[in-house]
PDB file of all heavy atoms in Angstrom:
ATOM      1  N   LYS A   1     -24.495  -8.302 -35.417  1.00  0.00           N
ATOM      2  CA  LYS A   1     -24.215  -9.677 -34.987  1.00  0.00           C
ATOM      3  C   LYS A   1     -23.623  -9.648 -33.576  1.00  0.00           C
ATOM      4  O   LYS A   1     -22.836  -8.751 -33.249  1.00  0.00           O
ATOM      5  CB  LYS A   1     -23.221 -10.336 -35.936  1.00  0.00           C
ATOM      6  CG  LYS A   1     -23.719 -10.527 -37.361  1.00  0.00           C
ATOM      7  CD  LYS A   1     -22.615 -11.132 -38.222  1.00  0.00           C
ATOM      8  CE  LYS A   1     -23.060 -11.295 -39.664  1.00  0.00           C
ATOM      9  NZ  LYS A   1     -21.972 -11.842 -40.521  1.00  0.00           N
ATOM     10  N   ILE A   2     -23.970 -10.630 -32.754  1.00  0.00           N
ATOM     11  CA  ILE A   2     -23.415 -10.710 -31.398  1.00  0.00           C
ATOM     12  C   ILE A   2     -22.082 -11.432 -31.496  1.00  0.00           C
ATOM     13  O   ILE A   2     -22.012 -12.661 -31.528  1.00  0.00           O
ATOM     14  CB  ILE A   2     -24.377 -11.458 -30.429  1.00  0.00           C
ATOM     15  CG1 ILE A   2     -25.784 -10.886 -30.530  1.00  0.00           C
ATOM     16  CG2 ILE A   2     -23.852 -11.378 -29.003  1.00  0.00           C
ATOM     17  CD1 ILE A   2     -25.888  -9.407 -30.245  1.00  0.00           C
ATOM     18  N   CYS A   3     -21.024 -10.621 -31.576  1.00  0.00           N
ATOM     19  CA  CYS A   3     -19.712 -11.186 -31.863  1.00  0.00           C
ATOM     20  C   CYS A   3     -18.682 -10.096 -31.613  1.00  0.00           C
ATOM     21  O   CYS A   3     -18.528  -9.193 -32.420  1.00  0.00           O
ATOM     22  CB  CYS A   3     -19.681 -11.645 -33.323  1.00  0.00           C
ATOM     23  SG  CYS A   3     -18.124 -12.328 -33.874  1.00  0.00           S
ATOM     24  N   SER A   4     -17.984 -10.183 -30.475  1.00  0.00           N
ATOM     25  CA  SER A   4     -17.001  -9.157 -30.107  1.00  0.00           C
ATOM     26  C   SER A   4     -15.814  -9.852 -29.458  1.00  0.00           C
ATOM     27  O   SER A   4     -15.788 -11.068 -29.345  1.00  0.00           O
ATOM     28  CB  SER A   4     -17.623  -8.158 -29.126  1.00  0.00           C
ATOM     29  OG  SER A   4     -17.833  -8.784 -27.869  1.00  0.00           O
ATOM     30  N   ARG A   5     -14.845  -9.059 -29.003  1.00  0.00           N
ATOM     31  CA  ARG A   5     -13.714  -9.706 -28.335  1.00  0.00           C
ATOM     32  C   ARG A   5     -14.119 -10.290 -26.993  1.00  0.00           C
ATOM     33  O   ARG A   5     -13.356 -11.016 -26.367  1.00  0.00           O
ATOM     34  CB  ARG A   5     -12.543  -8.748 -28.185  1.00  0.00           C
ATOM     35  CG  ARG A   5     -12.752  -7.576 -27.254  1.00  0.00           C
ATOM     36  CD  ARG A   5     -11.431  -6.825 -27.099  1.00  0.00           C
ATOM     37  NE  ARG A   5     -11.598  -5.465 -26.633  1.00  0.00           N
ATOM     38  CZ  ARG A   5     -10.705  -4.497 -26.835  1.00  0.00           C
ATOM     39  NH1 ARG A   5      -9.599  -4.749 -27.483  1.00  0.00           N
ATOM     40  NH2 ARG A   5     -10.916  -3.292 -26.385  1.00  0.00           N
ATOM     41  N   SER A   6     -15.327  -9.991 -26.534  1.00  0.00           N
ATOM     42  CA  SER A   6     -15.821 -10.611 -25.303  1.00  0.00           C
ATOM     43  C   SER A   6     -16.357 -12.013 -25.547  1.00  0.00           C
ATOM     44  O   SER A   6     -16.553 -12.764 -24.596  1.00  0.00           O
ATOM     45  CB  SER A   6     -16.939  -9.753 -24.696  1.00  0.00           C
ATOM     46  OG  SER A   6     -16.440  -8.526 -24.240  1.00  0.00           O
ATOM     47  N   GLY A   7     -16.666 -12.350 -26.804  1.00  0.00           N
ATOM     48  CA  GLY A   7     -17.184 -13.683 -27.075  1.00  0.00           C
ATOM     49  C   GLY A   7     -18.215 -13.668 -28.180  1.00  0.00           C
ATOM     50  O   GLY A   7     -18.560 -12.620 -28.724  1.00  0.00           O
ATOM     51  N   ASN A   8     -18.727 -14.862 -28.507  1.00  0.00           N
ATOM     52  CA  ASN A   8     -19.710 -14.998 -29.583  1.00  0.00           C
ATOM     53  C   ASN A   8     -21.127 -15.071 -29.017  1.00  0.00           C
ATOM     54  O   ASN A   8     -21.343 -14.954 -27.811  1.00  0.00           O
ATOM     55  CB  ASN A   8     -19.393 -16.222 -30.448  1.00  0.00           C
ATOM     56  CG  ASN A   8     -19.418 -17.517 -29.635  1.00  0.00           C
ATOM     57  OD1 ASN A   8     -20.136 -17.655 -28.646  1.00  0.00           O
ATOM     58  ND2 ASN A   8     -18.595 -18.483 -30.057  1.00  0.00           N
ATOM     59  N   GLU A   9     -22.099 -15.263 -29.894  1.00  0.00           N
ATOM     60  CA  GLU A   9     -23.499 -15.227 -29.459  1.00  0.00           C
ATOM     61  C   GLU A   9     -23.825 -16.347 -28.478  1.00  0.00           C
ATOM     62  O   GLU A   9     -24.562 -16.126 -27.505  1.00  0.00           O
ATOM     63  CB  GLU A   9     -24.440 -15.307 -30.662  1.00  0.00           C
ATOM     64  CG  GLU A   9     -25.904 -15.249 -30.245  1.00  0.00           C
ATOM     65  CD  GLU A   9     -26.849 -14.904 -31.385  1.00  0.00           C
ATOM     66  OE1 GLU A   9     -26.430 -14.269 -32.364  1.00  0.00           O
ATOM     67  OE2 GLU A   9     -28.028 -15.278 -31.262  1.00  0.00           O
ATOM     68  N   GLU A  10     -23.296 -17.521 -28.691  1.00  0.00           N
ATOM     69  CA  GLU A  10     -23.592 -18.618 -27.769  1.00  0.00           C
ATOM     70  C   GLU A  10     -23.044 -18.325 -26.376  1.00  0.00           C
ATOM     71  O   GLU A  10     -23.687 -18.628 -25.363  1.00  0.00           O
ATOM     72  CB  GLU A  10     -23.027 -19.934 -28.311  1.00  0.00           C
ATOM     73  CG  GLU A  10     -23.787 -20.466 -29.513  1.00  0.00           C
ATOM     74  CD  GLU A  10     -25.286 -20.573 -29.254  1.00  0.00           C
ATOM     75  OE1 GLU A  10     -25.665 -21.190 -28.234  1.00  0.00           O
ATOM     76  OE2 GLU A  10     -26.077 -20.032 -30.055  1.00  0.00           O
ATOM     77  N   GLN A  11     -21.851 -17.754 -26.308  1.00  0.00           N
ATOM     78  CA  GLN A  11     -21.276 -17.396 -25.010  1.00  0.00           C
ATOM     79  C   GLN A  11     -22.072 -16.275 -24.345  1.00  0.00           C
ATOM     80  O   GLN A  11     -22.268 -16.287 -23.130  1.00  0.00           O
ATOM     81  CB  GLN A  11     -19.813 -16.993 -25.199  1.00  0.00           C
ATOM     82  CG  GLN A  11     -18.910 -18.147 -25.585  1.00  0.00           C
ATOM     83  CD  GLN A  11     -17.533 -17.679 -26.010  1.00  0.00           C
ATOM     84  OE1 GLN A  11     -17.392 -16.724 -26.773  1.00  0.00           O
ATOM     85  NE2 GLN A  11     -16.494 -18.358 -25.521  1.00  0.00           N
ATOM     86  N   PHE A  12     -22.555 -15.323 -25.144  1.00  0.00           N
ATOM     87  CA  PHE A  12     -23.390 -14.248 -24.607  1.00  0.00           C
ATOM     88  C   PHE A  12     -24.685 -14.819 -24.040  1.00  0.00           C
ATOM     89  O   PHE A  12     -25.108 -14.473 -22.924  1.00  0.00           O
ATOM     90  CB  PHE A  12     -23.685 -13.222 -25.702  1.00  0.00           C
ATOM     91  CG  PHE A  12     -24.497 -12.042 -25.224  1.00  0.00           C
ATOM     92  CD1 PHE A  12     -23.886 -10.966 -24.596  1.00  0.00           C
ATOM     93  CD2 PHE A  12     -25.873 -12.021 -25.392  1.00  0.00           C
ATOM     94  CE1 PHE A  12     -24.636  -9.892 -24.143  1.00  0.00           C
ATOM     95  CE2 PHE A  12     -26.632 -10.950 -24.948  1.00  0.00           C
ATOM     96  CZ  PHE A  12     -26.014  -9.885 -24.324  1.00  0.00           C
ATOM     97  N   LYS A  13     -25.320 -15.702 -24.796  1.00  0.00           N
ATOM     98  CA  LYS A  13     -26.565 -16.328 -24.321  1.00  0.00           C
ATOM     99  C   LYS A  13     -26.334 -17.076 -23.017  1.00  0.00           C
ATOM    100  O   LYS A  13     -27.156 -17.021 -22.088  1.00  0.00           O
ATOM    101  CB  LYS A  13     -27.109 -17.292 -25.375  1.00  0.00           C
ATOM    102  CG  LYS A  13     -27.741 -16.627 -26.580  1.00  0.00           C
ATOM    103  CD  LYS A  13     -28.214 -17.690 -27.580  1.00  0.00           C
ATOM    104  CE  LYS A  13     -28.944 -17.056 -28.756  1.00  0.00           C
ATOM    105  NZ  LYS A  13     -29.344 -18.085 -29.758  1.00  0.00           N
ATOM    106  N   ASP A  14     -25.222 -17.788 -22.940  1.00  0.00           N
ATOM    107  CA  ASP A  14     -24.899 -18.561 -21.739  1.00  0.00           C
ATOM    108  C   ASP A  14     -24.727 -17.633 -20.533  1.00  0.00           C
ATOM    109  O   ASP A  14     -25.228 -17.928 -19.441  1.00  0.00           O
ATOM    110  CB  ASP A  14     -23.630 -19.376 -21.980  1.00  0.00           C
ATOM    111  CG  ASP A  14     -23.211 -20.167 -20.757  1.00  0.00           C
ATOM    112  OD1 ASP A  14     -23.973 -21.058 -20.328  1.00  0.00           O
ATOM    113  OD2 ASP A  14     -22.130 -19.872 -20.200  1.00  0.00           O
ATOM    114  N   MET A  15     -24.032 -16.516 -20.735  1.00  0.00           N
ATOM    115  CA  MET A  15     -23.843 -15.557 -19.640  1.00  0.00           C
ATOM    116  C   MET A  15     -25.177 -15.003 -19.168  1.00  0.00           C
ATOM    117  O   MET A  15     -25.460 -14.955 -17.955  1.00  0.00           O
ATOM    118  CB  MET A  15     -22.939 -14.412 -20.089  1.00  0.00           C
ATOM    119  CG  MET A  15     -22.761 -13.326 -19.033  1.00  0.00           C
ATOM    120  SD  MET A  15     -21.991 -11.812 -19.666  1.00  0.00           S
ATOM    121  CE  MET A  15     -23.306 -11.179 -20.716  1.00  0.00           C
ATOM    122  N   VAL A  16     -26.022 -14.569 -20.117  1.00  0.00           N
ATOM    123  CA  VAL A  16     -27.318 -13.981 -19.749  1.00  0.00           C
ATOM    124  C   VAL A  16     -28.173 -14.999 -18.998  1.00  0.00           C
ATOM    125  O   VAL A  16     -28.795 -14.676 -17.977  1.00  0.00           O
ATOM    126  CB  VAL A  16     -28.046 -13.460 -21.002  1.00  0.00           C
ATOM    127  CG1 VAL A  16     -29.463 -13.005 -20.657  1.00  0.00           C
ATOM    128  CG2 VAL A  16     -27.272 -12.306 -21.637  1.00  0.00           C
ATOM    129  N   LYS A  17     -28.178 -16.225 -19.472  1.00  0.00           N
ATOM    130  CA  LYS A  17     -28.966 -17.271 -18.818  1.00  0.00           C
ATOM    131  C   LYS A  17     -28.482 -17.531 -17.395  1.00  0.00           C
ATOM    132  O   LYS A  17     -29.272 -17.576 -16.445  1.00  0.00           O
ATOM    133  CB  LYS A  17     -28.907 -18.564 -19.644  1.00  0.00           C
ATOM    134  CG  LYS A  17     -29.674 -19.721 -19.028  1.00  0.00           C
ATOM    135  CD  LYS A  17     -29.559 -20.976 -19.904  1.00  0.00           C
ATOM    136  CE  LYS A  17     -30.310 -22.148 -19.284  1.00  0.00           C
ATOM    137  NZ  LYS A  17     -30.187 -23.372 -20.131  1.00  0.00           N
ATOM    138  N   ARG A  18     -27.156 -17.682 -17.238  1.00  0.00           N
ATOM    139  CA  ARG A  18     -26.611 -17.966 -15.911  1.00  0.00           C
ATOM    140  C   ARG A  18     -26.856 -16.805 -14.954  1.00  0.00           C
ATOM    141  O   ARG A  18     -27.174 -17.020 -13.777  1.00  0.00           O
ATOM    142  CB  ARG A  18     -25.116 -18.277 -16.009  1.00  0.00           C
ATOM    143  CG  ARG A  18     -24.825 -19.644 -16.606  1.00  0.00           C
ATOM    144  CD  ARG A  18     -23.348 -20.005 -16.585  1.00  0.00           C
ATOM    145  NE  ARG A  18     -22.558 -19.137 -17.440  1.00  0.00           N
ATOM    146  CZ  ARG A  18     -21.629 -18.295 -17.003  1.00  0.00           C
ATOM    147  NH1 ARG A  18     -21.374 -18.197 -15.700  1.00  0.00           N
ATOM    148  NH2 ARG A  18     -20.951 -17.542 -17.846  1.00  0.00           N
ATOM    149  N   CYS A  19     -26.715 -15.583 -15.451  1.00  0.00           N
ATOM    150  CA  CYS A  19     -26.955 -14.417 -14.591  1.00  0.00           C
ATOM    151  C   CYS A  19     -28.424 -14.322 -14.195  1.00  0.00           C
ATOM    152  O   CYS A  19     -28.754 -14.149 -13.012  1.00  0.00           O
ATOM    153  CB  CYS A  19     -26.508 -13.140 -15.302  1.00  0.00           C
ATOM    154  SG  CYS A  19     -24.722 -12.957 -15.410  1.00  0.00           S
ATOM    155  N   ASN A  20     -29.325 -14.447 -15.176  1.00  0.00           N
ATOM    156  CA  ASN A  20     -30.750 -14.368 -14.856  1.00  0.00           C
ATOM    157  C   ASN A  20     -31.176 -15.450 -13.866  1.00  0.00           C
ATOM    158  O   ASN A  20     -32.020 -15.212 -12.990  1.00  0.00           O
ATOM    159  CB  ASN A  20     -31.586 -14.486 -16.133  1.00  0.00           C
ATOM    160  CG  ASN A  20     -31.750 -13.155 -16.852  1.00  0.00           C
ATOM    161  OD1 ASN A  20     -31.773 -12.105 -16.215  1.00  0.00           O
ATOM    162  ND2 ASN A  20     -31.881 -13.198 -18.159  1.00  0.00           N
ATOM    163  N   ASN A  21     -30.587 -16.633 -13.989  1.00  0.00           N
ATOM    164  CA  ASN A  21     -30.978 -17.742 -13.113  1.00  0.00           C
ATOM    165  C   ASN A  21     -30.613 -17.499 -11.656  1.00  0.00           C
ATOM    166  O   ASN A  21     -31.182 -18.129 -10.762  1.00  0.00           O
ATOM    167  CB  ASN A  21     -30.344 -19.046 -13.605  1.00  0.00           C
ATOM    168  CG  ASN A  21     -31.041 -19.601 -14.839  1.00  0.00           C
ATOM    169  OD1 ASN A  21     -32.151 -19.184 -15.181  1.00  0.00           O
ATOM    170  ND2 ASN A  21     -30.386 -20.541 -15.510  1.00  0.00           N
ATOM    171  N   VAL A  22     -29.649 -16.599 -11.401  1.00  0.00           N
ATOM    172  CA  VAL A  22     -29.299 -16.277 -10.012  1.00  0.00           C
ATOM    173  C   VAL A  22     -29.719 -14.853  -9.654  1.00  0.00           C
ATOM    174  O   VAL A  22     -29.235 -14.281  -8.671  1.00  0.00           O
ATOM    175  CB  VAL A  22     -27.790 -16.488  -9.742  1.00  0.00           C
ATOM    176  CG1 VAL A  22     -27.441 -17.964  -9.844  1.00  0.00           C
ATOM    177  CG2 VAL A  22     -26.921 -15.657 -10.683  1.00  0.00           C
ATOM    178  N   GLY A  23     -30.633 -14.274 -10.447  1.00  0.00           N
ATOM    179  CA  GLY A  23     -31.202 -12.980 -10.095  1.00  0.00           C
ATOM    180  C   GLY A  23     -30.363 -11.779 -10.457  1.00  0.00           C
ATOM    181  O   GLY A  23     -30.603 -10.677  -9.954  1.00  0.00           O
ATOM    182  N   VAL A  24     -29.354 -11.957 -11.321  1.00  0.00           N
ATOM    183  CA  VAL A  24     -28.545 -10.827 -11.792  1.00  0.00           C
ATOM    184  C   VAL A  24     -29.024 -10.457 -13.188  1.00  0.00           C
ATOM    185  O   VAL A  24     -28.957 -11.279 -14.107  1.00  0.00           O
ATOM    186  CB  VAL A  24     -27.042 -11.177 -11.817  1.00  0.00           C
ATOM    187  CG1 VAL A  24     -26.226 -10.021 -12.403  1.00  0.00           C
ATOM    188  CG2 VAL A  24     -26.558 -11.512 -10.421  1.00  0.00           C
ATOM    189  N   ARG A  25     -29.537  -9.241 -13.345  1.00  0.00           N
ATOM    190  CA  ARG A  25     -30.089  -8.799 -14.627  1.00  0.00           C
ATOM    191  C   ARG A  25     -29.014  -8.114 -15.464  1.00  0.00           C
ATOM    192  O   ARG A  25     -28.159  -7.404 -14.937  1.00  0.00           O
ATOM    193  CB  ARG A  25     -31.257  -7.843 -14.394  1.00  0.00           C
ATOM    194  CG  ARG A  25     -32.353  -8.385 -13.479  1.00  0.00           C
ATOM    195  CD  ARG A  25     -32.834  -9.757 -13.911  1.00  0.00           C
ATOM    196  NE  ARG A  25     -33.945 -10.242 -13.103  1.00  0.00           N
ATOM    197  CZ  ARG A  25     -34.229 -11.525 -12.945  1.00  0.00           C
ATOM    198  NH1 ARG A  25     -33.461 -12.458 -13.505  1.00  0.00           N
ATOM    199  NH2 ARG A  25     -35.267 -11.893 -12.223  1.00  0.00           N
ATOM    200  N   ILE A  26     -29.099  -8.292 -16.771  1.00  0.00           N
ATOM    201  CA  ILE A  26     -28.112  -7.754 -17.707  1.00  0.00           C
ATOM    202  C   ILE A  26     -28.729  -6.616 -18.518  1.00  0.00           C
ATOM    203  O   ILE A  26     -29.822  -6.762 -19.072  1.00  0.00           O
ATOM    204  CB  ILE A  26     -27.627  -8.847 -18.683  1.00  0.00           C
ATOM    205  CG1 ILE A  26     -26.966 -10.010 -17.929  1.00  0.00           C
ATOM    206  CG2 ILE A  26     -26.676  -8.264 -19.733  1.00  0.00           C
ATOM    207  CD1 ILE A  26     -25.664  -9.668 -17.256  1.00  0.00           C
ATOM    208  N   TYR A  27     -28.044  -5.478 -18.585  1.00  0.00           N
ATOM    209  CA  TYR A  27     -28.414  -4.495 -19.593  1.00  0.00           C
ATOM    210  C   TYR A  27     -27.222  -4.263 -20.507  1.00  0.00           C
ATOM    211  O   TYR A  27     -26.065  -4.456 -20.128  1.00  0.00           O
ATOM    212  CB  TYR A  27     -28.959  -3.201 -18.981  1.00  0.00           C
ATOM    213  CG  TYR A  27     -27.944  -2.302 -18.331  1.00  0.00           C
ATOM    214  CD1 TYR A  27     -27.193  -1.413 -19.089  1.00  0.00           C
ATOM    215  CD2 TYR A  27     -27.742  -2.325 -16.957  1.00  0.00           C
ATOM    216  CE1 TYR A  27     -26.253  -0.579 -18.494  1.00  0.00           C
ATOM    217  CE2 TYR A  27     -26.812  -1.498 -16.351  1.00  0.00           C
ATOM    218  CZ  TYR A  27     -26.072  -0.631 -17.136  1.00  0.00           C
ATOM    219  OH  TYR A  27     -25.142   0.187 -16.547  1.00  0.00           O
ATOM    220  N   VAL A  28     -27.526  -3.856 -21.734  1.00  0.00           N
ATOM    221  CA  VAL A  28     -26.541  -3.784 -22.810  1.00  0.00           C
ATOM    222  C   VAL A  28     -26.309  -2.329 -23.205  1.00  0.00           C
ATOM    223  O   VAL A  28     -27.246  -1.545 -23.312  1.00  0.00           O
ATOM    224  CB  VAL A  28     -27.029  -4.612 -24.023  1.00  0.00           C
ATOM    225  CG1 VAL A  28     -26.278  -4.225 -25.294  1.00  0.00           C
ATOM    226  CG2 VAL A  28     -26.871  -6.101 -23.750  1.00  0.00           C
ATOM    227  N   ASP A  29     -25.055  -1.997 -23.433  1.00  0.00           N
ATOM    228  CA  ASP A  29     -24.682  -0.691 -23.980  1.00  0.00           C
ATOM    229  C   ASP A  29     -25.001  -0.725 -25.479  1.00  0.00           C
ATOM    230  O   ASP A  29     -24.320  -1.410 -26.251  1.00  0.00           O
ATOM    231  CB  ASP A  29     -23.186  -0.456 -23.728  1.00  0.00           C
ATOM    232  CG  ASP A  29     -22.785   0.996 -23.874  1.00  0.00           C
ATOM    233  OD1 ASP A  29     -23.590   1.791 -24.376  1.00  0.00           O
ATOM    234  OD2 ASP A  29     -21.645   1.322 -23.477  1.00  0.00           O
ATOM    235  N   ALA A  30     -26.054  -0.017 -25.886  1.00  0.00           N
ATOM    236  CA  ALA A  30     -26.541  -0.075 -27.269  1.00  0.00           C
ATOM    237  C   ALA A  30     -25.989   1.101 -28.070  1.00  0.00           C
ATOM    238  O   ALA A  30     -26.323   2.253 -27.814  1.00  0.00           O
ATOM    239  CB  ALA A  30     -28.062  -0.057 -27.287  1.00  0.00           C
ATOM    240  N   VAL A  31     -25.125   0.797 -29.041  1.00  0.00           N
ATOM    241  CA  VAL A  31     -24.516   1.823 -29.893  1.00  0.00           C
ATOM    242  C   VAL A  31     -25.297   1.832 -31.206  1.00  0.00           C
ATOM    243  O   VAL A  31     -25.033   1.033 -32.108  1.00  0.00           O
ATOM    244  CB  VAL A  31     -23.027   1.539 -30.133  1.00  0.00           C
ATOM    245  CG1 VAL A  31     -22.389   2.675 -30.922  1.00  0.00           C
ATOM    246  CG2 VAL A  31     -22.310   1.348 -28.801  1.00  0.00           C
TER     247      VAL A  31
END
């Protein structure tokens, strides 16, 4: 589940969307 002390899934989606919209790409540390 996307849910950590950094935030929940909706907040994660919002960050990814805002970053992609200004050309900043996100990669995830996959454990």
